[in-house]
Amino acid sequence: MKNKIFIGAFILLLTITTSSFAQFNPNTEGRGLASAGFGISNWGIPIYLRYEHPVADNITVGGLLSFQSKGYASWRGTYYGIVGRSSYHFNELLNVPDQFDIYGGASLGYYIYKWKYNNGYNNDFYNPSSGEPNFGIHAGATYFIKDNFGINTELLGGLGFNGITVGVLFLL
């Protein structure tokens, strides 16, 4: 039994040490990244989809779509975000290990709000949609589990959205 455990542990260790990690480096990779996840924010629980593509050394540009909802007993707000963003990846500058990607950047987007109110007589009514532009900043990190798959987290701040997200990231 001890031999089987030893052999199993040895094979697992060998697999881990020989598997390659991919550092996202827009300078050399030329690969886009796609991410999806959820988070906690000042406007409820966001669900997001994001894509970025390298455009220059260590710089990516892309977009983000998000949905979140928040409400109380008499009202509910639903928010849709359409955001363009750019990130600088600090891996080369900070000599970050290959299995990590550390980045930060800025975003500019538009959030559309839809409100539903209850007037207390079981009659729901809707307020027309409204929206506003949003400028924000973000800082994030990815830990690559495999050469094209990782776990991602971001801290976000902006005029209309502040929070933290967690998700999965794929190099394409």
C-alpha atoms as a PDB file:
ATOM      1  CA  MET A   1       0.000   0.000   0.000  1.00  0.00           C
ATOM      2  CA  LYS A   2       2.828   2.398   0.876  1.00  0.00           C
ATOM      3  CA  ASN A   3       4.453   1.711  -2.501  1.00  0.00           C
ATOM      4  CA  LYS A   4       1.233   2.607  -4.342  1.00  0.00           C
ATOM      5  CA  ILE A   5       0.948   5.888  -2.417  1.00  0.00           C
ATOM      6  CA  PHE A   6       4.640   6.662  -3.066  1.00  0.00           C
ATOM      7  CA  ILE A   7       4.302   5.890  -6.797  1.00  0.00           C
ATOM      8  CA  GLY A   8       1.099   7.953  -7.026  1.00  0.00           C
ATOM      9  CA  ALA A   9       2.724  10.902  -5.245  1.00  0.00           C
ATOM     10  CA  PHE A  10       5.806  10.626  -7.448  1.00  0.00           C
ATOM     11  CA  ILE A  11       3.703  10.630 -10.641  1.00  0.00           C
ATOM     12  CA  LEU A  12       1.696  13.622  -9.373  1.00  0.00           C
ATOM     13  CA  LEU A  13       4.883  15.525  -8.511  1.00  0.00           C
ATOM     14  CA  LEU A  14       6.388  14.670 -11.889  1.00  0.00           C
ATOM     15  CA  THR A  15       3.251  15.872 -13.663  1.00  0.00           C
ATOM     16  CA  ILE A  16       3.198  19.149 -11.759  1.00  0.00           C
ATOM     17  CA  THR A  17       6.886  19.908 -12.215  1.00  0.00           C
ATOM     18  CA  THR A  18       6.945  19.084 -15.928  1.00  0.00           C
ATOM     19  CA  SER A  19       3.755  20.919 -16.883  1.00  0.00           C
ATOM     20  CA  SER A  20       4.399  24.287 -18.446  1.00  0.00           C
ATOM     21  CA  PHE A  21       2.861  27.532 -17.326  1.00  0.00           C
ATOM     22  CA  ALA A  22       2.155  30.355 -19.747  1.00  0.00           C
ATOM     23  CA  GLN A  23       2.857  33.893 -18.741  1.00  0.00           C
ATOM     24  CA  PHE A  24       0.562  36.248 -20.589  1.00  0.00           C
ATOM     25  CA  ASN A  25       2.982  38.460 -22.410  1.00  0.00           C
ATOM     26  CA  PRO A  26       1.360  40.492 -25.194  1.00  0.00           C
ATOM     27  CA  ASN A  27       4.820  41.339 -26.485  1.00  0.00           C
ATOM     28  CA  THR A  28       5.606  37.762 -27.484  1.00  0.00           C
ATOM     29  CA  GLU A  29       2.377  35.781 -27.302  1.00  0.00           C
ATOM     30  CA  GLY A  30      -0.029  37.732 -29.507  1.00  0.00           C
ATOM     31  CA  ARG A  31      -2.851  35.777 -27.858  1.00  0.00           C
ATOM     32  CA  GLY A  32      -6.097  37.258 -26.664  1.00  0.00           C
ATOM     33  CA  LEU A  33      -7.648  36.516 -23.311  1.00  0.00           C
ATOM     34  CA  ALA A  34     -11.267  35.817 -22.469  1.00  0.00           C
ATOM     35  CA  SER A  35     -12.657  35.858 -18.954  1.00  0.00           C
ATOM     36  CA  ALA A  36     -15.992  35.240 -17.253  1.00  0.00           C
ATOM     37  CA  GLY A  37     -17.007  35.467 -13.636  1.00  0.00           C
ATOM     38  CA  PHE A  38     -18.926  37.196 -10.873  1.00  0.00           C
ATOM     39  CA  GLY A  39     -18.204  39.511  -7.994  1.00  0.00           C
ATOM     40  CA  ILE A  40     -19.345  41.813  -5.234  1.00  0.00           C
ATOM     41  CA  SER A  41     -19.988  45.490  -5.901  1.00  0.00           C
ATOM     42  CA  ASN A  42     -21.777  48.571  -4.657  1.00  0.00           C
ATOM     43  CA  TRP A  43     -24.575  47.708  -7.141  1.00  0.00           C
ATOM     44  CA  GLY A  44     -25.211  44.059  -6.335  1.00  0.00           C
ATOM     45  CA  ILE A  45     -23.533  40.938  -7.671  1.00  0.00           C
ATOM     46  CA  PRO A  46     -22.047  41.534 -11.133  1.00  0.00           C
ATOM     47  CA  ILE A  47     -21.770  38.815 -13.741  1.00  0.00           C
ATOM     48  CA  TYR A  48     -19.322  39.644 -16.521  1.00  0.00           C
ATOM     49  CA  LEU A  49     -17.756  38.539 -19.805  1.00  0.00           C
ATOM     50  CA  ARG A  50     -14.476  40.138 -20.884  1.00  0.00           C
ATOM     51  CA  TYR A  51     -12.129  39.941 -23.863  1.00  0.00           C
ATOM     52  CA  GLU A  52      -8.787  41.691 -24.411  1.00  0.00           C
ATOM     53  CA  HIS A  53      -6.272  41.461 -27.217  1.00  0.00           C
ATOM     54  CA  PRO A  54      -2.631  42.647 -27.319  1.00  0.00           C
ATOM     55  CA  VAL A  55      -1.978  45.821 -29.318  1.00  0.00           C
ATOM     56  CA  ALA A  56       1.544  46.781 -28.184  1.00  0.00           C
ATOM     57  CA  ASP A  57       4.299  45.625 -25.830  1.00  0.00           C
ATOM     58  CA  ASN A  58       2.543  44.507 -22.617  1.00  0.00           C
ATOM     59  CA  ILE A  59      -0.655  46.405 -23.499  1.00  0.00           C
ATOM     60  CA  THR A  60      -4.072  44.873 -24.177  1.00  0.00           C
ATOM     61  CA  VAL A  61      -7.295  46.522 -25.333  1.00  0.00           C
ATOM     62  CA  GLY A  62     -10.745  45.013 -25.231  1.00  0.00           C
ATOM     63  CA  GLY A  63     -14.215  45.139 -23.844  1.00  0.00           C
ATOM     64  CA  LEU A  64     -16.418  43.970 -21.031  1.00  0.00           C
ATOM     65  CA  LEU A  65     -20.127  43.218 -20.766  1.00  0.00           C
ATOM     66  CA  SER A  66     -21.678  43.071 -17.314  1.00  0.00           C
ATOM     67  CA  PHE A  67     -25.028  42.538 -15.665  1.00  0.00           C
ATOM     68  CA  GLN A  68     -25.983  43.212 -12.072  1.00  0.00           C
ATOM     69  CA  SER A  69     -29.138  43.713 -10.071  1.00  0.00           C
ATOM     70  CA  LYS A  70     -29.907  45.292  -6.718  1.00  0.00           C
ATOM     71  CA  GLY A  71     -33.148  45.833  -4.900  1.00  0.00           C
ATOM     72  CA  TYR A  72     -35.130  46.315  -1.747  1.00  0.00           C
ATOM     73  CA  ALA A  73     -38.769  45.701  -0.768  1.00  0.00           C
ATOM     74  CA  SER A  74     -40.252  48.403  -3.002  1.00  0.00           C
ATOM     75  CA  TRP A  75     -37.812  48.659  -5.910  1.00  0.00           C
ATOM     76  CA  ARG A  76     -35.267  46.778  -8.007  1.00  0.00           C
ATOM     77  CA  GLY A  77     -32.578  48.195 -10.275  1.00  0.00           C
ATOM     78  CA  THR A  78     -30.970  46.253 -13.098  1.00  0.00           C
ATOM     79  CA  TYR A  79     -27.701  47.474 -14.591  1.00  0.00           C
ATOM     80  CA  TYR A  80     -26.092  46.565 -17.897  1.00  0.00           C
ATOM     81  CA  GLY A  81     -22.531  47.665 -18.581  1.00  0.00           C
ATOM     82  CA  ILE A  82     -20.819  48.053 -21.947  1.00  0.00           C
ATOM     83  CA  VAL A  83     -17.210  48.962 -21.286  1.00  0.00           C
ATOM     84  CA  GLY A  84     -14.032  49.434 -23.331  1.00  0.00           C
ATOM     85  CA  ARG A  85     -10.817  48.896 -21.416  1.00  0.00           C
ATOM     86  CA  SER A  86      -7.053  48.817 -21.679  1.00  0.00           C
ATOM     87  CA  SER A  87      -4.529  47.077 -19.428  1.00  0.00           C
ATOM     88  CA  TYR A  88      -0.802  47.184 -18.899  1.00  0.00           C
ATOM     89  CA  HIS A  89       0.751  43.820 -17.909  1.00  0.00           C
ATOM     90  CA  PHE A  90       3.618  44.245 -15.428  1.00  0.00           C
ATOM     91  CA  ASN A  91       5.146  40.768 -15.815  1.00  0.00           C
ATOM     92  CA  GLU A  92       8.341  41.830 -17.583  1.00  0.00           C
ATOM     93  CA  LEU A  93       8.765  45.010 -15.557  1.00  0.00           C
ATOM     94  CA  LEU A  94       8.392  43.223 -12.199  1.00  0.00           C
ATOM     95  CA  ASN A  95       9.964  39.919 -13.299  1.00  0.00           C
ATOM     96  CA  VAL A  96       6.825  38.034 -12.209  1.00  0.00           C
ATOM     97  CA  PRO A  97       6.960  34.192 -12.203  1.00  0.00           C
ATOM     98  CA  ASP A  98       5.515  32.584 -15.326  1.00  0.00           C
ATOM     99  CA  GLN A  99       2.353  31.238 -13.728  1.00  0.00           C
ATOM    100  CA  PHE A 100       1.174  34.757 -12.749  1.00  0.00           C
ATOM    101  CA  ASP A 101      -0.037  37.802 -14.664  1.00  0.00           C
ATOM    102  CA  ILE A 102      -0.212  41.132 -12.804  1.00  0.00           C
ATOM    103  CA  TYR A 103      -1.918  44.037 -14.584  1.00  0.00           C
ATOM    104  CA  GLY A 104      -3.702  47.350 -14.157  1.00  0.00           C
ATOM    105  CA  GLY A 105      -5.524  49.743 -16.409  1.00  0.00           C
ATOM    106  CA  ALA A 106      -8.415  52.048 -17.162  1.00  0.00           C
ATOM    107  CA  SER A 107     -11.861  51.730 -18.684  1.00  0.00           C
ATOM    108  CA  LEU A 108     -14.502  53.894 -20.270  1.00  0.00           C
ATOM    109  CA  GLY A 109     -18.016  52.639 -20.712  1.00  0.00           C
ATOM    110  CA  TYR A 110     -21.718  53.179 -20.442  1.00  0.00           C
ATOM    111  CA  TYR A 111     -24.099  51.704 -17.849  1.00  0.00           C
ATOM    112  CA  ILE A 112     -27.791  51.363 -18.639  1.00  0.00           C
ATOM    113  CA  TYR A 113     -30.176  51.335 -15.670  1.00  0.00           C
ATOM    114  CA  LYS A 114     -33.688  49.912 -15.581  1.00  0.00           C
ATOM    115  CA  TRP A 115     -35.826  50.477 -12.497  1.00  0.00           C
ATOM    116  CA  LYS A 116     -38.898  48.625 -11.301  1.00  0.00           C
ATOM    117  CA  TYR A 117     -40.962  50.096  -8.463  1.00  0.00           C
ATOM    118  CA  ASN A 118     -43.869  48.686  -6.460  1.00  0.00           C
ATOM    119  CA  ASN A 119     -46.325  51.342  -5.362  1.00  0.00           C
ATOM    120  CA  GLY A 120     -47.646  49.265  -2.433  1.00  0.00           C
ATOM    121  CA  TYR A 121     -50.883  48.205  -4.155  1.00  0.00           C
ATOM    122  CA  ASN A 122     -49.438  45.173  -5.966  1.00  0.00           C
ATOM    123  CA  ASN A 123     -49.117  47.286  -9.093  1.00  0.00           C
ATOM    124  CA  ASP A 124     -45.631  47.271 -10.499  1.00  0.00           C
ATOM    125  CA  PHE A 125     -44.570  50.087 -12.771  1.00  0.00           C
ATOM    126  CA  TYR A 126     -41.375  50.745 -14.626  1.00  0.00           C
ATOM    127  CA  ASN A 127     -39.347  53.859 -14.836  1.00  0.00           C
ATOM    128  CA  PRO A 128     -37.900  54.481 -18.292  1.00  0.00           C
ATOM    129  CA  SER A 129     -34.354  53.311 -18.796  1.00  0.00           C
ATOM    130  CA  SER A 130     -31.567  55.724 -18.150  1.00  0.00           C
ATOM    131  CA  GLY A 131     -27.821  55.518 -18.299  1.00  0.00           C
ATOM    132  CA  GLU A 132     -24.562  57.260 -17.696  1.00  0.00           C
ATOM    133  CA  PRO A 133     -20.959  57.086 -18.825  1.00  0.00           C
ATOM    134  CA  ASN A 134     -18.465  55.512 -16.479  1.00  0.00           C
ATOM    135  CA  PHE A 135     -14.728  55.995 -16.170  1.00  0.00           C
ATOM    136  CA  GLY A 136     -12.920  53.459 -14.031  1.00  0.00           C
ATOM    137  CA  ILE A 137      -9.622  51.879 -13.107  1.00  0.00           C
ATOM    138  CA  HIS A 138      -8.764  48.257 -12.385  1.00  0.00           C
ATOM    139  CA  ALA A 139      -5.958  46.179 -10.933  1.00  0.00           C
ATOM    140  CA  GLY A 140      -5.882  42.437 -11.277  1.00  0.00           C
ATOM    141  CA  ALA A 141      -3.966  39.210 -11.131  1.00  0.00           C
ATOM    142  CA  THR A 142      -4.256  35.837 -12.819  1.00  0.00           C
ATOM    143  CA  TYR A 143      -2.841  32.543 -11.634  1.00  0.00           C
ATOM    144  CA  PHE A 144      -2.425  30.098 -14.517  1.00  0.00           C
ATOM    145  CA  ILE A 145      -3.349  26.541 -13.608  1.00  0.00           C
ATOM    146  CA  LYS A 146      -2.513  25.303 -17.109  1.00  0.00           C
ATOM    147  CA  ASP A 147      -0.795  27.016 -20.020  1.00  0.00           C
ATOM    148  CA  ASN A 148      -4.080  28.423 -21.365  1.00  0.00           C
ATOM    149  CA  PHE A 149      -6.364  28.449 -18.294  1.00  0.00           C
ATOM    150  CA  GLY A 150      -6.249  30.464 -15.093  1.00  0.00           C
ATOM    151  CA  ILE A 151      -8.117  31.918 -12.152  1.00  0.00           C
ATOM    152  CA  ASN A 152      -8.499  35.683 -12.196  1.00  0.00           C
ATOM    153  CA  THR A 153      -9.403  38.392  -9.677  1.00  0.00           C
ATOM    154  CA  GLU A 154      -9.772  42.148 -10.142  1.00  0.00           C
ATOM    155  CA  LEU A 155     -10.304  45.147  -7.941  1.00  0.00           C
ATOM    156  CA  LEU A 156     -12.430  47.748  -9.745  1.00  0.00           C
ATOM    157  CA  GLY A 157     -13.134  51.394  -9.049  1.00  0.00           C
ATOM    158  CA  GLY A 158     -15.099  53.914 -11.030  1.00  0.00           C
ATOM    159  CA  LEU A 159     -17.832  56.487 -11.190  1.00  0.00           C
ATOM    160  CA  GLY A 160     -20.642  53.939 -11.444  1.00  0.00           C
ATOM    161  CA  PHE A 161     -19.143  50.650 -10.304  1.00  0.00           C
ATOM    162  CA  ASN A 162     -16.822  49.643  -7.478  1.00  0.00           C
ATOM    163  CA  GLY A 163     -16.070  46.115  -6.365  1.00  0.00           C
ATOM    164  CA  ILE A 164     -14.094  42.944  -6.744  1.00  0.00           C
ATOM    165  CA  THR A 165     -14.551  40.132  -9.252  1.00  0.00           C
ATOM    166  CA  VAL A 166     -13.399  36.534  -9.459  1.00  0.00           C
ATOM    167  CA  GLY A 167     -13.488  34.409 -12.560  1.00  0.00           C
ATOM    168  CA  VAL A 168     -11.821  32.054 -14.958  1.00  0.00           C
ATOM    169  CA  LEU A 169      -9.567  33.191 -17.775  1.00  0.00           C
ATOM    170  CA  PHE A 170      -8.668  31.481 -21.042  1.00  0.00           C
ATOM    171  CA  LEU A 171      -5.785  32.348 -23.370  1.00  0.00           C
ATOM    172  CA  LEU A 172      -7.036  31.999 -26.932  1.00  0.00           C
END
